[in-house]
Structure formats: structure tokens, C-alpha cells
């Protein structure tokens, strides 16, 4: 890690009753990870997702890969 603090961001589309995540995209370039946390538990655990895996996840969401059948 670089000593840089995460700048948490929650999507404006996240108005779904609290089932949201936050990401800290400011650490992507310096660390190669996207920190992810539960927006309801800001002092809880943080998962560091590698940039390529996070990009693949976002592409899957946009393509409808995870939509209910």
C-alpha cells in the first residue's frame, strides 16, 4: 500500500434500501486494487479486488451476465 487513504465512493444508482457497496477507485493506479466495502458497515472489513477482476465483474454486470433468469 502507498499510505494513501481510500476515498470511498457509492454510486448514485445505489438508492435501493441500503444494499450497497462502496469502492475506493483512487487506489487503482498506485496499488492495482479496488478496495470494496459494505456501505452499511464502514468500519467493517475491506476486500481488495485486483483491477482486472473488478473490470471483468463490471463488464459482466453491464452485459447482464448476473441478471436473474
N, C-alpha and C. Protein backbone atom coordinates (compact mmCIF):
# COMPACT_ATOMS: atom_id res chain seq x y z
N UNK A 1 0.84 -1.18 0.00
CA UNK A 1 0.00 0.00 0.00
C UNK A 1 0.88 1.24 0.00
N UNK A 2 0.33 2.33 -0.40
CA UNK A 2 1.11 3.55 -0.57
C UNK A 2 1.00 4.51 0.60
N UNK A 3 0.18 4.22 1.57
CA UNK A 3 -0.07 5.17 2.64
C UNK A 3 -1.19 6.13 2.28
N UNK A 4 -1.63 6.05 1.05
CA UNK A 4 -2.74 6.88 0.57
C UNK A 4 -4.04 6.35 1.17
N UNK A 5 -4.88 7.24 1.66
CA UNK A 5 -6.16 6.83 2.24
C UNK A 5 -7.20 6.61 1.15
N UNK A 6 -8.05 5.60 1.32
CA UNK A 6 -9.10 5.37 0.33
C UNK A 6 -10.12 6.51 0.35
N UNK A 7 -10.55 6.90 -0.82
CA UNK A 7 -11.63 7.88 -0.97
C UNK A 7 -12.86 7.11 -1.43
N UNK A 8 -13.73 6.80 -0.50
CA UNK A 8 -14.87 5.92 -0.76
C UNK A 8 -15.92 6.61 -1.62
N UNK A 9 -16.50 5.81 -2.51
CA UNK A 9 -17.49 6.29 -3.46
C UNK A 9 -18.63 5.28 -3.54
N UNK A 10 -19.84 5.78 -3.48
CA UNK A 10 -21.03 4.93 -3.67
C UNK A 10 -21.79 5.47 -4.87
N UNK A 11 -22.19 4.62 -5.75
CA UNK A 11 -22.89 5.03 -6.96
C UNK A 11 -24.19 5.77 -6.64
N UNK A 12 -24.51 6.72 -7.48
CA UNK A 12 -25.78 7.43 -7.33
C UNK A 12 -26.97 6.51 -7.66
N UNK A 13 -26.70 5.36 -8.27
CA UNK A 13 -27.74 4.38 -8.57
C UNK A 13 -28.04 3.49 -7.35
N UNK A 14 -27.37 3.72 -6.25
CA UNK A 14 -27.45 2.85 -5.08
C UNK A 14 -28.58 3.19 -4.13
N UNK A 15 -29.65 3.70 -4.60
CA UNK A 15 -30.78 4.05 -3.74
C UNK A 15 -31.75 2.87 -3.66
N UNK A 16 -31.26 1.73 -3.13
CA UNK A 16 -32.08 0.52 -3.12
C UNK A 16 -32.34 0.01 -1.71
N UNK A 17 -32.41 0.87 -0.74
CA UNK A 17 -32.72 0.43 0.61
C UNK A 17 -31.51 0.02 1.43
N UNK A 18 -30.32 0.38 1.02
CA UNK A 18 -29.15 0.13 1.83
C UNK A 18 -28.29 -1.04 1.44
N UNK A 19 -28.65 -1.79 0.42
CA UNK A 19 -27.84 -2.92 -0.01
C UNK A 19 -26.81 -2.44 -1.03
N UNK A 20 -25.80 -1.73 -0.53
CA UNK A 20 -24.84 -1.07 -1.41
C UNK A 20 -23.41 -1.42 -1.02
N UNK A 21 -22.55 -1.24 -1.97
CA UNK A 21 -21.12 -1.31 -1.69
C UNK A 21 -20.51 0.04 -2.00
N UNK A 22 -19.33 0.26 -1.46
CA UNK A 22 -18.55 1.44 -1.78
C UNK A 22 -17.20 0.96 -2.30
N UNK A 23 -16.63 1.71 -3.22
CA UNK A 23 -15.31 1.40 -3.75
C UNK A 23 -14.41 2.61 -3.58
N UNK A 24 -13.12 2.36 -3.55
CA UNK A 24 -12.13 3.44 -3.45
C UNK A 24 -11.27 3.40 -4.71
N UNK A 25 -11.78 3.99 -5.76
CA UNK A 25 -11.11 3.94 -7.06
C UNK A 25 -9.80 4.71 -7.08
N UNK A 26 -9.56 5.57 -6.11
CA UNK A 26 -8.32 6.35 -6.10
C UNK A 26 -7.07 5.50 -5.87
N UNK A 27 -7.23 4.25 -5.45
CA UNK A 27 -6.08 3.39 -5.20
C UNK A 27 -5.74 2.47 -6.37
N UNK A 28 -6.52 2.54 -7.43
CA UNK A 28 -6.30 1.65 -8.58
C UNK A 28 -4.92 1.85 -9.18
N UNK A 29 -4.56 3.07 -9.51
CA UNK A 29 -3.29 3.32 -10.19
C UNK A 29 -2.08 3.01 -9.31
N UNK A 30 -2.15 3.37 -8.04
CA UNK A 30 -0.97 3.20 -7.18
C UNK A 30 -0.84 1.80 -6.60
N UNK A 31 -1.96 1.07 -6.45
CA UNK A 31 -1.91 -0.23 -5.79
C UNK A 31 -2.35 -1.39 -6.67
N UNK A 32 -3.04 -1.11 -7.77
CA UNK A 32 -3.54 -2.18 -8.64
C UNK A 32 -4.70 -2.96 -8.06
N UNK A 33 -5.38 -2.36 -7.08
CA UNK A 33 -6.54 -2.99 -6.47
C UNK A 33 -7.68 -1.99 -6.38
N UNK A 34 -8.89 -2.55 -6.24
CA UNK A 34 -10.07 -1.73 -5.97
C UNK A 34 -10.58 -2.17 -4.59
N UNK A 35 -10.38 -1.37 -3.56
CA UNK A 35 -10.93 -1.72 -2.26
C UNK A 35 -12.46 -1.62 -2.30
N UNK A 36 -13.13 -2.61 -1.71
CA UNK A 36 -14.59 -2.67 -1.70
C UNK A 36 -15.04 -2.91 -0.26
N UNK A 37 -16.10 -2.21 0.16
CA UNK A 37 -16.66 -2.44 1.50
C UNK A 37 -18.17 -2.30 1.46
N UNK A 38 -18.82 -2.81 2.48
CA UNK A 38 -20.27 -2.69 2.66
C UNK A 38 -20.56 -1.28 3.14
N UNK A 39 -21.44 -0.58 2.47
CA UNK A 39 -21.72 0.81 2.84
C UNK A 39 -22.41 0.93 4.20
N UNK A 40 -23.01 -0.16 4.68
CA UNK A 40 -23.67 -0.12 5.99
C UNK A 40 -22.69 -0.41 7.12
N UNK A 41 -21.50 -0.89 6.79
CA UNK A 41 -20.52 -1.27 7.80
C UNK A 41 -19.17 -0.65 7.46
N UNK A 42 -19.10 0.66 7.56
CA UNK A 42 -17.90 1.38 7.11
C UNK A 42 -16.66 1.06 7.94
N UNK A 43 -16.84 0.55 9.14
CA UNK A 43 -15.69 0.14 9.96
C UNK A 43 -15.42 -1.36 9.84
N UNK A 44 -16.19 -2.03 8.99
CA UNK A 44 -16.04 -3.47 8.80
C UNK A 44 -14.91 -3.80 7.85
N UNK A 45 -14.88 -5.04 7.41
CA UNK A 45 -13.80 -5.49 6.54
C UNK A 45 -13.82 -4.83 5.16
N UNK A 46 -12.64 -4.75 4.58
CA UNK A 46 -12.46 -4.23 3.23
C UNK A 46 -11.85 -5.35 2.40
N UNK A 47 -12.40 -5.58 1.22
CA UNK A 47 -11.88 -6.59 0.31
C UNK A 47 -11.11 -5.86 -0.79
N UNK A 48 -9.88 -6.25 -1.01
CA UNK A 48 -9.08 -5.68 -2.08
C UNK A 48 -9.19 -6.55 -3.32
N UNK A 49 -9.87 -6.06 -4.34
CA UNK A 49 -10.11 -6.82 -5.57
C UNK A 49 -9.11 -6.34 -6.63
N UNK A 50 -8.41 -7.27 -7.25
CA UNK A 50 -7.47 -6.88 -8.30
C UNK A 50 -8.22 -6.16 -9.42
N UNK A 51 -7.54 -5.19 -10.01
CA UNK A 51 -8.16 -4.33 -11.01
C UNK A 51 -8.78 -5.12 -12.16
N UNK A 52 -8.07 -6.11 -12.68
CA UNK A 52 -8.58 -6.89 -13.82
C UNK A 52 -9.85 -7.64 -13.43
N UNK A 53 -9.90 -8.20 -12.23
CA UNK A 53 -11.09 -8.92 -11.78
C UNK A 53 -12.27 -7.98 -11.60
N UNK A 54 -12.01 -6.79 -11.05
CA UNK A 54 -13.09 -5.82 -10.87
C UNK A 54 -13.61 -5.36 -12.23
N UNK A 55 -12.72 -5.13 -13.17
CA UNK A 55 -13.14 -4.72 -14.52
C UNK A 55 -13.98 -5.80 -15.18
N UNK A 56 -13.60 -7.06 -15.00
CA UNK A 56 -14.37 -8.17 -15.57
C UNK A 56 -15.75 -8.25 -14.92
N UNK A 57 -15.81 -8.01 -13.62
CA UNK A 57 -17.10 -8.00 -12.91
C UNK A 57 -18.00 -6.90 -13.45
N UNK A 58 -17.47 -5.69 -13.58
CA UNK A 58 -18.26 -4.56 -14.08
C UNK A 58 -18.75 -4.85 -15.50
N UNK A 59 -17.89 -5.40 -16.34
CA UNK A 59 -18.29 -5.75 -17.71
C UNK A 59 -19.42 -6.79 -17.69
N UNK A 60 -19.34 -7.75 -16.78
CA UNK A 60 -20.39 -8.75 -16.65
C UNK A 60 -21.72 -8.16 -16.21
N UNK A 61 -21.66 -7.21 -15.28
CA UNK A 61 -22.88 -6.52 -14.84
C UNK A 61 -23.49 -5.76 -16.01
N UNK A 62 -22.65 -5.03 -16.75
CA UNK A 62 -23.15 -4.25 -17.88
C UNK A 62 -23.73 -5.13 -18.98
N UNK A 63 -23.18 -6.34 -19.13
CA UNK A 63 -23.65 -7.26 -20.17
C UNK A 63 -24.88 -8.06 -19.73
N UNK A 64 -25.27 -7.94 -18.47
CA UNK A 64 -26.43 -8.68 -17.98
C UNK A 64 -26.12 -10.10 -17.54
N UNK A 65 -24.85 -10.42 -17.39
CA UNK A 65 -24.43 -11.77 -17.01
C UNK A 65 -25.06 -12.23 -15.69
N UNK A 66 -25.28 -11.32 -14.77
CA UNK A 66 -25.76 -11.69 -13.45
C UNK A 66 -27.25 -11.42 -13.26
N UNK A 67 -27.95 -11.06 -14.33
CA UNK A 67 -29.38 -10.83 -14.23
C UNK A 67 -30.10 -12.13 -13.92
N UNK A 68 -31.19 -12.06 -13.16
CA UNK A 68 -31.97 -13.28 -12.86
C UNK A 68 -32.50 -13.89 -14.16
N UNK A 69 -32.55 -15.18 -14.18
CA UNK A 69 -33.02 -15.88 -15.38
C UNK A 69 -34.51 -15.74 -15.58
